[in-house]
C-alpha atoms as a PDB file:
ATOM      1  CA  MET A   1      41.897  30.488 -35.707  1.00  0.00           C
ATOM      2  CA  LEU A   2      41.788  34.266 -35.527  1.00  0.00           C
ATOM      3  CA  LYS A   3      44.986  36.133 -36.354  1.00  0.00           C
ATOM      4  CA  GLU A   4      46.297  38.753 -33.924  1.00  0.00           C
ATOM      5  CA  ASN A   5      45.436  41.662 -36.196  1.00  0.00           C
ATOM      6  CA  GLU A   6      41.876  40.343 -36.659  1.00  0.00           C
ATOM      7  CA  LYS A   7      40.971  40.372 -32.963  1.00  0.00           C
ATOM      8  CA  GLU A   8      38.121  42.672 -32.032  1.00  0.00           C
ATOM      9  CA  VAL A   9      36.658  42.486 -28.522  1.00  0.00           C
ATOM     10  CA  PHE A  10      32.965  41.620 -28.760  1.00  0.00           C
ATOM     11  CA  LEU A  11      32.160  40.925 -25.122  1.00  0.00           C
ATOM     12  CA  LYS A  12      34.132  41.848 -21.999  1.00  0.00           C
ATOM     13  CA  VAL A  13      33.516  40.443 -18.521  1.00  0.00           C
ATOM     14  CA  ASP A  14      35.053  42.133 -15.481  1.00  0.00           C
ATOM     15  CA  ASN A  15      34.990  40.800 -11.893  1.00  0.00           C
ATOM     16  CA  LEU A  16      31.730  38.921 -12.528  1.00  0.00           C
ATOM     17  CA  SER A  17      30.317  37.112  -9.482  1.00  0.00           C
ATOM     18  CA  LYS A  18      27.170  35.241  -8.533  1.00  0.00           C
ATOM     19  CA  HIS A  19      26.620  34.248  -4.906  1.00  0.00           C
ATOM     20  CA  PHE A  20      23.531  32.219  -3.982  1.00  0.00           C
ATOM     21  CA  PRO A  21      22.444  32.784  -0.362  1.00  0.00           C
ATOM     22  CA  MET A  22      22.009  29.766   1.919  1.00  0.00           C
ATOM     23  CA  LYS A  23      19.255  30.297   4.477  1.00  0.00           C
ATOM     24  CA  LYS A  24      18.415  28.453   7.680  1.00  0.00           C
ATOM     25  CA  GLY A  25      15.753  28.500  10.352  1.00  0.00           C
ATOM     26  CA  VAL A  26      12.182  29.746  10.641  1.00  0.00           C
ATOM     27  CA  LEU A  27      13.202  33.323   9.884  1.00  0.00           C
ATOM     28  CA  SER A  28      15.249  32.182   6.882  1.00  0.00           C
ATOM     29  CA  LYS A  29      18.341  34.021   7.967  1.00  0.00           C
ATOM     30  CA  GLN A  30      21.262  33.793   5.596  1.00  0.00           C
ATOM     31  CA  LYS A  31      23.996  31.643   7.088  1.00  0.00           C
ATOM     32  CA  ALA A  32      26.340  31.504   4.096  1.00  0.00           C
ATOM     33  CA  ALA A  33      26.529  31.949   0.336  1.00  0.00           C
ATOM     34  CA  VAL A  34      27.515  29.596  -2.464  1.00  0.00           C
ATOM     35  CA  LYS A  35      30.053  31.405  -4.643  1.00  0.00           C
ATOM     36  CA  ALA A  36      29.031  29.793  -7.929  1.00  0.00           C
ATOM     37  CA  VAL A  37      30.967  32.382  -9.951  1.00  0.00           C
ATOM     38  CA  ASP A  38      33.651  34.321  -8.119  1.00  0.00           C
ATOM     39  CA  GLY A  39      35.312  37.329  -9.753  1.00  0.00           C
ATOM     40  CA  VAL A  40      35.875  36.075 -13.304  1.00  0.00           C
ATOM     41  CA  ARG A  41      37.454  38.271 -15.981  1.00  0.00           C
ATOM     42  CA  PHE A  42      37.777  37.457 -19.687  1.00  0.00           C
ATOM     43  CA  GLU A  43      37.118  38.717 -23.203  1.00  0.00           C
ATOM     44  CA  ILE A  44      35.436  37.132 -26.213  1.00  0.00           C
ATOM     45  CA  TYR A  45      36.716  38.201 -29.616  1.00  0.00           C
ATOM     46  CA  LYS A  46      34.379  38.663 -32.539  1.00  0.00           C
ATOM     47  CA  GLY A  47      34.212  35.581 -34.760  1.00  0.00           C
ATOM     48  CA  GLU A  48      36.043  33.239 -32.386  1.00  0.00           C
ATOM     49  CA  THR A  49      34.967  30.164 -30.462  1.00  0.00           C
ATOM     50  CA  LEU A  50      35.885  30.491 -26.800  1.00  0.00           C
ATOM     51  CA  GLY A  51      35.719  27.191 -24.922  1.00  0.00           C
ATOM     52  CA  VAL A  52      34.959  26.952 -21.208  1.00  0.00           C
ATOM     53  CA  VAL A  53      35.956  23.724 -19.443  1.00  0.00           C
ATOM     54  CA  GLY A  54      36.002  22.369 -15.919  1.00  0.00           C
ATOM     55  CA  GLU A  55      34.464  19.764 -13.639  1.00  0.00           C
ATOM     56  CA  SER A  56      30.743  19.679 -12.900  1.00  0.00           C
ATOM     57  CA  GLY A  57      29.869  22.401 -10.400  1.00  0.00           C
ATOM     58  CA  CYS A  58      32.732  24.722 -11.350  1.00  0.00           C
ATOM     59  CA  GLY A  59      30.347  27.521 -12.402  1.00  0.00           C
ATOM     60  CA  LYS A  60      30.341  27.165 -16.200  1.00  0.00           C
ATOM     61  CA  SER A  61      26.570  27.091 -16.666  1.00  0.00           C
ATOM     62  CA  THR A  62      25.936  29.754 -14.019  1.00  0.00           C
ATOM     63  CA  MET A  63      28.327  32.056 -15.849  1.00  0.00           C
ATOM     64  CA  ALA A  64      26.464  31.429 -19.112  1.00  0.00           C
ATOM     65  CA  ARG A  65      23.164  32.365 -17.489  1.00  0.00           C
ATOM     66  CA  LEU A  66      24.713  35.547 -16.143  1.00  0.00           C
ATOM     67  CA  LEU A  67      25.820  36.519 -19.641  1.00  0.00           C
ATOM     68  CA  ILE A  68      22.283  36.272 -21.028  1.00  0.00           C
ATOM     69  CA  LYS A  69      20.779  37.786 -17.850  1.00  0.00           C
ATOM     70  CA  LEU A  70      18.808  34.750 -16.769  1.00  0.00           C
ATOM     71  CA  TYR A  71      20.571  35.480 -13.469  1.00  0.00           C
ATOM     72  CA  GLU A  72      21.387  38.891 -12.058  1.00  0.00           C
ATOM     73  CA  ALA A  73      25.036  39.240 -11.084  1.00  0.00           C
ATOM     74  CA  THR A  74      25.977  39.785  -7.448  1.00  0.00           C
ATOM     75  CA  GLU A  75      28.719  42.096  -8.674  1.00  0.00           C
ATOM     76  CA  GLY A  76      30.831  42.837 -11.715  1.00  0.00           C
ATOM     77  CA  SER A  77      30.092  44.091 -15.207  1.00  0.00           C
ATOM     78  CA  ILE A  78      29.460  42.751 -18.716  1.00  0.00           C
ATOM     79  CA  GLU A  79      30.150  44.874 -21.804  1.00  0.00           C
ATOM     80  CA  MET A  80      28.940  43.937 -25.279  1.00  0.00           C
ATOM     81  CA  GLU A  81      30.422  45.964 -28.123  1.00  0.00           C
ATOM     82  CA  GLY A  82      31.382  48.666 -25.614  1.00  0.00           C
ATOM     83  CA  LYS A  83      27.965  48.932 -23.899  1.00  0.00           C
ATOM     84  CA  ARG A  84      27.506  47.843 -20.284  1.00  0.00           C
ATOM     85  CA  ILE A  85      24.572  45.439 -20.098  1.00  0.00           C
ATOM     86  CA  GLU A  86      23.474  46.478 -16.610  1.00  0.00           C
ATOM     87  CA  SER A  87      22.883  50.046 -17.817  1.00  0.00           C
ATOM     88  CA  LEU A  88      20.636  49.086 -20.754  1.00  0.00           C
ATOM     89  CA  ASN A  89      17.045  50.317 -20.781  1.00  0.00           C
ATOM     90  CA  LYS A  90      14.104  48.025 -21.552  1.00  0.00           C
ATOM     91  CA  GLN A  91      14.262  48.530 -25.319  1.00  0.00           C
ATOM     92  CA  GLU A  92      18.041  48.121 -25.444  1.00  0.00           C
ATOM     93  CA  LEU A  93      17.816  44.981 -23.296  1.00  0.00           C
ATOM     94  CA  LYS A  94      15.364  43.442 -25.750  1.00  0.00           C
ATOM     95  CA  LYS A  95      17.821  44.102 -28.580  1.00  0.00           C
ATOM     96  CA  PHE A  96      20.600  42.595 -26.454  1.00  0.00           C
ATOM     97  CA  ARG A  97      18.603  39.401 -25.923  1.00  0.00           C
ATOM     98  CA  ARG A  98      18.163  39.131 -29.680  1.00  0.00           C
ATOM     99  CA  ASP A  99      21.923  39.425 -30.235  1.00  0.00           C
ATOM    100  CA  ILE A 100      22.852  36.717 -27.689  1.00  0.00           C
ATOM    101  CA  GLN A 101      21.120  33.338 -27.898  1.00  0.00           C
ATOM    102  CA  MET A 102      21.667  30.056 -26.082  1.00  0.00           C
ATOM    103  CA  VAL A 103      21.696  26.364 -26.982  1.00  0.00           C
ATOM    104  CA  PHE A 104      20.941  24.271 -23.895  1.00  0.00           C
ATOM    105  CA  GLN A 105      22.326  20.895 -22.852  1.00  0.00           C
ATOM    106  CA  ASP A 106      19.093  18.890 -22.898  1.00  0.00           C
ATOM    107  CA  PRO A 107      17.469  19.340 -26.318  1.00  0.00           C
ATOM    108  CA  TYR A 108      14.191  17.776 -25.179  1.00  0.00           C
ATOM    109  CA  ALA A 109      13.700  19.721 -21.934  1.00  0.00           C
ATOM    110  CA  SER A 110      14.441  22.997 -23.720  1.00  0.00           C
ATOM    111  CA  LEU A 111      11.606  22.478 -26.242  1.00  0.00           C
ATOM    112  CA  ASN A 112       7.901  22.858 -25.465  1.00  0.00           C
ATOM    113  CA  PRO A 113       6.437  19.357 -26.027  1.00  0.00           C
ATOM    114  CA  LYS A 114       3.002  20.819 -26.885  1.00  0.00           C
ATOM    115  CA  TRP A 115       4.308  23.066 -29.677  1.00  0.00           C
ATOM    116  CA  THR A 116       5.146  22.035 -33.203  1.00  0.00           C
ATOM    117  CA  ILE A 117       8.633  22.910 -34.393  1.00  0.00           C
ATOM    118  CA  LYS A 118       7.081  25.540 -36.637  1.00  0.00           C
ATOM    119  CA  ARG A 119       5.487  27.312 -33.686  1.00  0.00           C
ATOM    120  CA  THR A 120       8.696  27.012 -31.626  1.00  0.00           C
ATOM    121  CA  LEU A 121      10.682  28.734 -34.368  1.00  0.00           C
ATOM    122  CA  LEU A 122       8.034  31.330 -35.189  1.00  0.00           C
ATOM    123  CA  GLU A 123       7.663  32.506 -31.596  1.00  0.00           C
ATOM    124  CA  PRO A 124      10.997  34.434 -31.323  1.00  0.00           C
ATOM    125  CA  LEU A 125      10.228  36.206 -34.607  1.00  0.00           C
ATOM    126  CA  LYS A 126       6.805  37.246 -33.290  1.00  0.00           C
ATOM    127  CA  VAL A 127       8.183  38.465 -29.968  1.00  0.00           C
ATOM    128  CA  HIS A 128      10.714  40.693 -31.738  1.00  0.00           C
ATOM    129  CA  GLY A 129       8.298  41.790 -34.452  1.00  0.00           C
ATOM    130  CA  ILE A 130      10.391  40.504 -37.317  1.00  0.00           C
ATOM    131  CA  GLY A 131       8.840  40.220 -40.783  1.00  0.00           C
ATOM    132  CA  SER A 132       5.346  39.465 -42.073  1.00  0.00           C
ATOM    133  CA  ARG A 133       3.758  36.039 -41.558  1.00  0.00           C
ATOM    134  CA  ASN A 134       4.942  34.812 -44.957  1.00  0.00           C
ATOM    135  CA  GLU A 135       8.449  36.127 -44.318  1.00  0.00           C
ATOM    136  CA  ARG A 136       8.532  34.376 -40.941  1.00  0.00           C
ATOM    137  CA  ILE A 137       7.445  31.058 -42.447  1.00  0.00           C
ATOM    138  CA  ARG A 138      10.068  31.447 -45.152  1.00  0.00           C
ATOM    139  CA  ARG A 139      12.678  32.127 -42.452  1.00  0.00           C
ATOM    140  CA  VAL A 140      11.646  28.947 -40.573  1.00  0.00           C
ATOM    141  CA  LYS A 141      12.148  26.845 -43.704  1.00  0.00           C
ATOM    142  CA  GLU A 142      15.496  28.511 -44.375  1.00  0.00           C
ATOM    143  CA  ILE A 143      16.789  27.825 -40.856  1.00  0.00           C
ATOM    144  CA  LEU A 144      15.640  24.203 -40.857  1.00  0.00           C
ATOM    145  CA  ASN A 145      17.550  23.658 -44.098  1.00  0.00           C
ATOM    146  CA  ALA A 146      20.589  25.405 -42.620  1.00  0.00           C
ATOM    147  CA  VAL A 147      20.798  22.908 -39.748  1.00  0.00           C
ATOM    148  CA  GLY A 148      20.268  19.917 -42.026  1.00  0.00           C
ATOM    149  CA  LEU A 149      16.553  19.237 -41.413  1.00  0.00           C
ATOM    150  CA  ASN A 150      13.802  18.907 -44.005  1.00  0.00           C
ATOM    151  CA  GLU A 151      11.361  21.831 -43.952  1.00  0.00           C
ATOM    152  CA  SER A 152       8.459  19.334 -43.773  1.00  0.00           C
ATOM    153  CA  TYR A 153       9.569  18.558 -40.202  1.00  0.00           C
ATOM    154  CA  ALA A 154       8.131  21.907 -39.120  1.00  0.00           C
ATOM    155  CA  GLU A 155       4.719  20.358 -38.467  1.00  0.00           C
ATOM    156  CA  ARG A 156       6.080  17.673 -36.129  1.00  0.00           C
ATOM    157  CA  TYR A 157       6.445  17.710 -32.325  1.00  0.00           C
ATOM    158  CA  PRO A 158       9.674  17.308 -30.304  1.00  0.00           C
ATOM    159  CA  HIS A 159       8.936  13.685 -29.256  1.00  0.00           C
ATOM    160  CA  GLU A 160       8.983  12.647 -32.917  1.00  0.00           C
ATOM    161  CA  PHE A 161      12.699  13.415 -33.271  1.00  0.00           C
ATOM    162  CA  SER A 162      15.942  11.781 -32.187  1.00  0.00           C
ATOM    163  CA  GLY A 163      18.273  13.493 -29.713  1.00  0.00           C
ATOM    164  CA  GLY A 164      20.547  14.755 -32.478  1.00  0.00           C
ATOM    165  CA  GLN A 165      17.623  16.126 -34.468  1.00  0.00           C
ATOM    166  CA  ARG A 166      16.223  17.871 -31.395  1.00  0.00           C
ATOM    167  CA  GLN A 167      19.578  19.522 -30.775  1.00  0.00           C
ATOM    168  CA  ARG A 168      19.574  20.751 -34.375  1.00  0.00           C
ATOM    169  CA  ILE A 169      16.158  22.269 -33.667  1.00  0.00           C
ATOM    170  CA  GLY A 170      17.635  23.941 -30.575  1.00  0.00           C
ATOM    171  CA  ILE A 171      20.397  25.376 -32.742  1.00  0.00           C
ATOM    172  CA  ALA A 172      17.820  26.524 -35.298  1.00  0.00           C
ATOM    173  CA  ARG A 173      15.843  28.315 -32.588  1.00  0.00           C
ATOM    174  CA  ALA A 174      18.988  30.104 -31.408  1.00  0.00           C
ATOM    175  CA  LEU A 175      19.940  30.996 -34.965  1.00  0.00           C
ATOM    176  CA  ILE A 176      16.578  32.235 -36.251  1.00  0.00           C
ATOM    177  CA  LEU A 177      16.990  35.753 -34.810  1.00  0.00           C
ATOM    178  CA  ASN A 178      20.354  36.108 -36.579  1.00  0.00           C
ATOM    179  CA  PRO A 179      22.307  36.644 -33.327  1.00  0.00           C
ATOM    180  CA  LYS A 180      25.909  37.788 -32.986  1.00  0.00           C
ATOM    181  CA  LEU A 181      26.859  35.439 -30.124  1.00  0.00           C
ATOM    182  CA  ILE A 182      25.619  31.920 -29.394  1.00  0.00           C
ATOM    183  CA  ILE A 183      26.283  30.395 -25.990  1.00  0.00           C
ATOM    184  CA  ALA A 184      26.318  26.608 -26.308  1.00  0.00           C
ATOM    185  CA  ASP A 185      25.990  24.997 -22.865  1.00  0.00           C
ATOM    186  CA  GLU A 186      27.125  21.361 -23.114  1.00  0.00           C
ATOM    187  CA  PRO A 187      25.328  21.062 -26.483  1.00  0.00           C
ATOM    188  CA  VAL A 188      26.649  17.591 -27.344  1.00  0.00           C
ATOM    189  CA  SER A 189      27.110  15.891 -23.959  1.00  0.00           C
ATOM    190  CA  ALA A 190      23.729  14.096 -24.146  1.00  0.00           C
ATOM    191  CA  LEU A 191      24.403  12.768 -27.656  1.00  0.00           C
ATOM    192  CA  ASP A 192      26.132   9.673 -29.046  1.00  0.00           C
ATOM    193  CA  ILE A 193      29.704  10.111 -30.275  1.00  0.00           C
ATOM    194  CA  SER A 194      28.784   9.911 -33.971  1.00  0.00           C
ATOM    195  CA  VAL A 195      25.966  12.435 -33.489  1.00  0.00           C
ATOM    196  CA  GLN A 196      28.297  14.726 -31.518  1.00  0.00           C
ATOM    197  CA  ALA A 197      30.573  14.966 -34.554  1.00  0.00           C
ATOM    198  CA  GLN A 198      27.636  15.876 -36.795  1.00  0.00           C
ATOM    199  CA  VAL A 199      26.433  18.632 -34.466  1.00  0.00           C
ATOM    200  CA  ILE A 200      29.943  20.072 -34.054  1.00  0.00           C
ATOM    201  CA  ASN A 201      30.406  20.127 -37.840  1.00  0.00           C
ATOM    202  CA  ILE A 202      27.071  21.941 -38.226  1.00  0.00           C
ATOM    203  CA  LEU A 203      28.120  24.538 -35.629  1.00  0.00           C
ATOM    204  CA  ARG A 204      31.393  25.176 -37.447  1.00  0.00           C
ATOM    205  CA  GLU A 205      29.670  25.507 -40.827  1.00  0.00           C
ATOM    206  CA  LEU A 206      27.064  27.890 -39.401  1.00  0.00           C
ATOM    207  CA  GLN A 207      29.780  30.000 -37.812  1.00  0.00           C
ATOM    208  CA  GLN A 208      31.370  30.593 -41.193  1.00  0.00           C
ATOM    209  CA  GLU A 209      28.065  31.162 -42.986  1.00  0.00           C
ATOM    210  CA  TYR A 210      26.509  33.553 -40.429  1.00  0.00           C
ATOM    211  CA  ASN A 211      29.693  35.143 -39.014  1.00  0.00           C
ATOM    212  CA  LEU A 212      28.901  33.892 -35.515  1.00  0.00           C
ATOM    213  CA  THR A 213      30.825  34.121 -32.262  1.00  0.00           C
ATOM    214  CA  TYR A 214      30.566  31.129 -29.894  1.00  0.00           C
ATOM    215  CA  LEU A 215      30.991  30.568 -26.184  1.00  0.00           C
ATOM    216  CA  PHE A 216      31.209  26.783 -26.045  1.00  0.00           C
ATOM    217  CA  ILE A 217      30.805  25.216 -22.585  1.00  0.00           C
ATOM    218  CA  THR A 218      31.788  21.593 -22.021  1.00  0.00           C
ATOM    219  CA  HIS A 219      33.483  19.220 -19.607  1.00  0.00           C
ATOM    220  CA  ASP A 220      34.916  17.216 -22.517  1.00  0.00           C
ATOM    221  CA  LEU A 221      38.330  18.507 -23.565  1.00  0.00           C
ATOM    222  CA  SER A 222      38.447  16.247 -26.613  1.00  0.00           C
ATOM    223  CA  VAL A 223      35.435  18.192 -27.947  1.00  0.00           C
ATOM    224  CA  VAL A 224      36.810  21.626 -27.136  1.00  0.00           C
ATOM    225  CA  GLU A 225      40.123  20.689 -28.782  1.00  0.00           C
ATOM    226  CA  HIS A 226      38.323  20.395 -32.135  1.00  0.00           C
ATOM    227  CA  ILE A 227      36.072  23.442 -32.005  1.00  0.00           C
ATOM    228  CA  ALA A 228      37.647  26.188 -29.832  1.00  0.00           C
ATOM    229  CA  ASP A 229      40.164  28.889 -30.748  1.00  0.00           C
ATOM    230  CA  ARG A 230      40.865  29.701 -27.087  1.00  0.00           C
ATOM    231  CA  VAL A 231      39.985  27.991 -23.815  1.00  0.00           C
ATOM    232  CA  ILE A 232      39.078  29.169 -20.311  1.00  0.00           C
ATOM    233  CA  VAL A 233      39.622  26.631 -17.524  1.00  0.00           C
ATOM    234  CA  MET A 234      37.412  27.080 -14.439  1.00  0.00           C
ATOM    235  CA  TYR A 235      37.696  25.618 -10.958  1.00  0.00           C
ATOM    236  CA  LEU A 236      35.299  26.290  -8.077  1.00  0.00           C
ATOM    237  CA  GLY A 237      33.808  29.407  -9.662  1.00  0.00           C
ATOM    238  CA  ARG A 238      37.156  30.932 -10.627  1.00  0.00           C
ATOM    239  CA  ILE A 239      39.226  31.058 -13.804  1.00  0.00           C
ATOM    240  CA  VAL A 240      42.577  29.299 -13.372  1.00  0.00           C
ATOM    241  CA  GLU A 241      43.930  29.394 -16.934  1.00  0.00           C
ATOM    242  CA  VAL A 242      43.296  31.121 -20.282  1.00  0.00           C
ATOM    243  CA  SER A 243      45.080  29.886 -23.388  1.00  0.00           C
ATOM    244  CA  THR A 244      44.862  29.291 -27.095  1.00  0.00           C
ATOM    245  CA  THR A 245      43.678  25.728 -27.682  1.00  0.00           C
ATOM    246  CA  GLU A 246      46.897  24.678 -29.385  1.00  0.00           C
ATOM    247  CA  LYS A 247      49.093  25.939 -26.543  1.00  0.00           C
ATOM    248  CA  LEU A 248      46.813  24.513 -23.863  1.00  0.00           C
ATOM    249  CA  PHE A 249      47.173  20.957 -25.164  1.00  0.00           C
ATOM    250  CA  GLU A 250      50.813  21.416 -26.050  1.00  0.00           C
ATOM    251  CA  LYS A 251      51.821  22.795 -22.639  1.00  0.00           C
ATOM    252  CA  PRO A 252      49.185  23.282 -19.915  1.00  0.00           C
ATOM    253  CA  ASN A 253      50.395  25.600 -17.170  1.00  0.00           C
ATOM    254  CA  HIS A 254      48.030  25.178 -14.223  1.00  0.00           C
ATOM    255  CA  PRO A 255      48.246  21.874 -12.271  1.00  0.00           C
ATOM    256  CA  TYR A 256      44.465  21.490 -12.566  1.00  0.00           C
ATOM    257  CA  THR A 257      44.630  21.859 -16.355  1.00  0.00           C
ATOM    258  CA  GLU A 258      47.438  19.296 -16.416  1.00  0.00           C
ATOM    259  CA  ALA A 259      45.206  16.809 -14.644  1.00  0.00           C
ATOM    260  CA  LEU A 260      42.246  17.452 -16.961  1.00  0.00           C
ATOM    261  CA  ILE A 261      44.317  16.998 -20.106  1.00  0.00           C
ATOM    262  CA  SER A 262      45.976  13.862 -18.763  1.00  0.00           C
ATOM    263  CA  ALA A 263      42.497  12.302 -18.631  1.00  0.00           C
ATOM    264  CA  VAL A 264      41.773  12.898 -22.333  1.00  0.00           C
ATOM    265  CA  PRO A 265      41.956   9.518 -24.142  1.00  0.00           C
ATOM    266  CA  GLU A 266      44.688   9.167 -26.756  1.00  0.00           C
ATOM    267  CA  VAL A 267      43.770   7.529 -30.065  1.00  0.00           C
ATOM    268  CA  ASN A 268      46.489   5.411 -31.718  1.00  0.00           C
ATOM    269  CA  SER A 269      49.188   7.168 -29.724  1.00  0.00           C
ATOM    270  CA  GLU A 270      52.586   5.510 -29.539  1.00  0.00           C
ATOM    271  CA  VAL A 271      53.518   7.599 -26.500  1.00  0.00           C
ATOM    272  CA  LYS A 272      51.623   6.672 -23.352  1.00  0.00           C
ATOM    273  CA  LYS A 273      51.008   9.708 -21.175  1.00  0.00           C
ATOM    274  CA  GLU A 274      50.804   9.461 -17.412  1.00  0.00           C
ATOM    275  CA  ARG A 275      47.352   9.951 -15.911  1.00  0.00           C
ATOM    276  CA  ILE A 276      47.311  12.502 -13.074  1.00  0.00           C
ATOM    277  CA  ILE A 277      44.874  11.511 -10.324  1.00  0.00           C
ATOM    278  CA  LEU A 278      43.818  14.397  -8.101  1.00  0.00           C
ATOM    279  CA  SER A 279      43.440  13.562  -4.425  1.00  0.00           C
ATOM    280  CA  GLY A 280      40.355  14.529  -2.443  1.00  0.00           C
ATOM    281  CA  ASP A 281      37.038  15.973  -3.566  1.00  0.00           C
ATOM    282  CA  VAL A 282      36.084  19.395  -4.885  1.00  0.00           C
ATOM    283  CA  PRO A 283      35.733  21.679  -1.822  1.00  0.00           C
ATOM    284  CA  ASP A 284      32.369  23.039  -0.689  1.00  0.00           C
ATOM    285  CA  PRO A 285      31.649  26.205  -2.763  1.00  0.00           C
ATOM    286  CA  ALA A 286      29.862  27.644   0.289  1.00  0.00           C
ATOM    287  CA  ASN A 287      33.112  27.371   2.218  1.00  0.00           C
ATOM    288  CA  PRO A 288      36.005  27.497  -0.279  1.00  0.00           C
ATOM    289  CA  PRO A 289      39.592  27.136   0.911  1.00  0.00           C
ATOM    290  CA  SER A 290      41.563  30.272   1.712  1.00  0.00           C
ATOM    291  CA  GLY A 291      44.271  31.374  -0.697  1.00  0.00           C
ATOM    292  CA  CYS A 292      44.287  29.321  -3.881  1.00  0.00           C
ATOM    293  CA  ALA A 293      41.042  27.334  -4.101  1.00  0.00           C
ATOM    294  CA  PHE A 294      42.923  24.403  -5.674  1.00  0.00           C
ATOM    295  CA  HIS A 295      45.622  24.047  -3.017  1.00  0.00           C
ATOM    296  CA  THR A 296      43.794  21.241  -1.148  1.00  0.00           C
ATOM    297  CA  ARG A 297      44.139  18.966  -4.197  1.00  0.00           C
ATOM    298  CA  CYS A 298      47.303  20.334  -5.809  1.00  0.00           C
ATOM    299  CA  PRO A 299      50.379  18.055  -5.804  1.00  0.00           C
ATOM    300  CA  TYR A 300      52.663  21.124  -5.916  1.00  0.00           C
ATOM    301  CA  SER A 301      50.996  23.144  -3.138  1.00  0.00           C
ATOM    302  CA  MET A 302      53.258  25.516  -1.159  1.00  0.00           C
ATOM    303  CA  GLU A 303      52.653  27.515   2.037  1.00  0.00           C
ATOM    304  CA  VAL A 304      51.853  30.670   0.086  1.00  0.00           C
ATOM    305  CA  CYS A 305      49.061  28.808  -1.727  1.00  0.00           C
ATOM    306  CA  LYS A 306      47.195  28.332   1.570  1.00  0.00           C
ATOM    307  CA  THR A 307      47.046  32.007   2.483  1.00  0.00           C
ATOM    308  CA  LYS A 308      47.374  34.190  -0.619  1.00  0.00           C
ATOM    309  CA  ARG A 309      44.938  34.147  -3.538  1.00  0.00           C
ATOM    310  CA  PRO A 310      46.924  34.152  -6.802  1.00  0.00           C
ATOM    311  CA  GLU A 311      46.153  36.648  -9.566  1.00  0.00           C
ATOM    312  CA  LEU A 312      45.889  36.123 -13.314  1.00  0.00           C
ATOM    313  CA  GLN A 313      49.292  36.661 -14.916  1.00  0.00           C
ATOM    314  CA  SER A 314      50.674  36.266 -18.421  1.00  0.00           C
ATOM    315  CA  ILE A 315      53.068  33.452 -19.261  1.00  0.00           C
ATOM    316  CA  ASN A 316      53.365  34.548 -22.884  1.00  0.00           C
ATOM    317  CA  GLU A 317      51.199  36.300 -25.490  1.00  0.00           C
ATOM    318  CA  GLN A 318      48.896  33.300 -25.776  1.00  0.00           C
ATOM    319  CA  GLN A 319      48.639  32.007 -22.208  1.00  0.00           C
ATOM    320  CA  GLN A 320      47.601  33.331 -18.794  1.00  0.00           C
ATOM    321  CA  VAL A 321      47.476  31.428 -15.522  1.00  0.00           C
ATOM    322  CA  VAL A 322      46.368  31.894 -11.911  1.00  0.00           C
ATOM    323  CA  CYS A 323      49.065  30.058  -9.952  1.00  0.00           C
ATOM    324  CA  HIS A 324      51.834  30.883  -7.456  1.00  0.00           C
ATOM    325  CA  LEU A 325      54.154  28.514  -9.311  1.00  0.00           C
ATOM    326  CA  TYR A 326      54.580  31.330 -11.818  1.00  0.00           C
ATOM    327  CA  ASP A 327      55.340  34.143  -9.385  1.00  0.00           C
ATOM    328  CA  HIS A 328      58.680  35.960  -9.470  1.00  0.00           C
ATOM    329  CA  ASN A 329      58.384  37.812 -12.775  1.00  0.00           C
ATOM    330  CA  ASN A 330      56.817  34.943 -14.713  1.00  0.00           C
ATOM    331  CA  ILE A 331      60.097  33.129 -15.346  1.00  0.00           C
ATOM    332  CA  ILE A 332      59.617  30.719 -18.233  1.00  0.00           C
ATOM    333  CA  GLY A 333      60.081  27.189 -16.949  1.00  0.00           C
ATOM    334  CA  ALA A 334      59.465  28.215 -13.334  1.00  0.00           C
ATOM    335  CA  MET A 335      56.756  25.611 -12.950  1.00  0.00           C
ATOM    336  CA  GLU A 336      59.027  22.732 -13.893  1.00  0.00           C
ATOM    337  CA  GLU A 337      61.777  23.980 -11.563  1.00  0.00           C
ATOM    338  CA  LYS A 338      59.422  24.404  -8.623  1.00  0.00           C
ATOM    339  CA  LYS A 339      57.830  21.033  -9.233  1.00  0.00           C
ATOM    340  CA  LYS A 340      61.231  19.421  -8.743  1.00  0.00           C
ATOM    341  CA  LYS A 341      61.795  21.323  -5.506  1.00  0.00           C
ATOM    342  CA  VAL A 342      58.340  20.514  -4.156  1.00  0.00           C
ATOM    343  CA  LEU A 343      58.522  16.838  -5.040  1.00  0.00           C
ATOM    344  CA  THR A 344      62.061  16.240  -3.719  1.00  0.00           C
END
């Protein structure tokens, strides 16, 4: 966990949005737009692991692709170490892509089945003109050892490995350019529980060894609880809560976060927690509800929630929330008081 005086902003996102047009008819006229990411703001501190959680379809993966410019943003800005990414020239953009790498969810689909692991790992070094041939081969062996694979595996093909081994290769490919930030998009969701633990331990060890910063995307809060310093909670393309991991599990503030955490299985717990079941389905992102996007499923919804979109506000130094239950000068305990009023 980073201490307050150690925090240095590495990447800053401001009002980032991605709207995918929906077209209809022979002339393909746009009839609506899916707001996959809708005005998100957050910061990533150097050396930390920032977790991003939420249901499927909440915009986590789209946001990750915006950060590495696989998608162009509809609006908003991204700053890395004080430089706005959208203003980078071709040479600067190439350097940016070297500094931010991604580990994808499906370790098999993200690897070329016709390439040996050696060729897969050599290719980024060639593209960026790093080292001589001997130096590149030496780097491949070094990275394979770093992720717990024998260097002799370099001559094999992806189908010859298990899922956990393939994900280690994906991590090796992301790591080989010595990046500053690694975006891990559901990197363990396709793996068995025992293998998940191994991959998470490798990620933590590599972070210490290579001074890495992580953006760790997952729908599994039990995973993020073990790896993240801070957590962003997303719902329908928007951020609803930002908190340190410890505070989030100790006292979630947003009703949606409450429901997510209530679903996390307890191991050998003497205290049985009540499971919160949300009513209804996630609304259509092409036609989101007015006001607070969560109000159609929220057990504490008020009239103001239906008409006014809440803004991100601080609860304390470690927690921020987007919820009308915390209006009126952010009174500590306001949520509990208003819950009683709403439910009585």
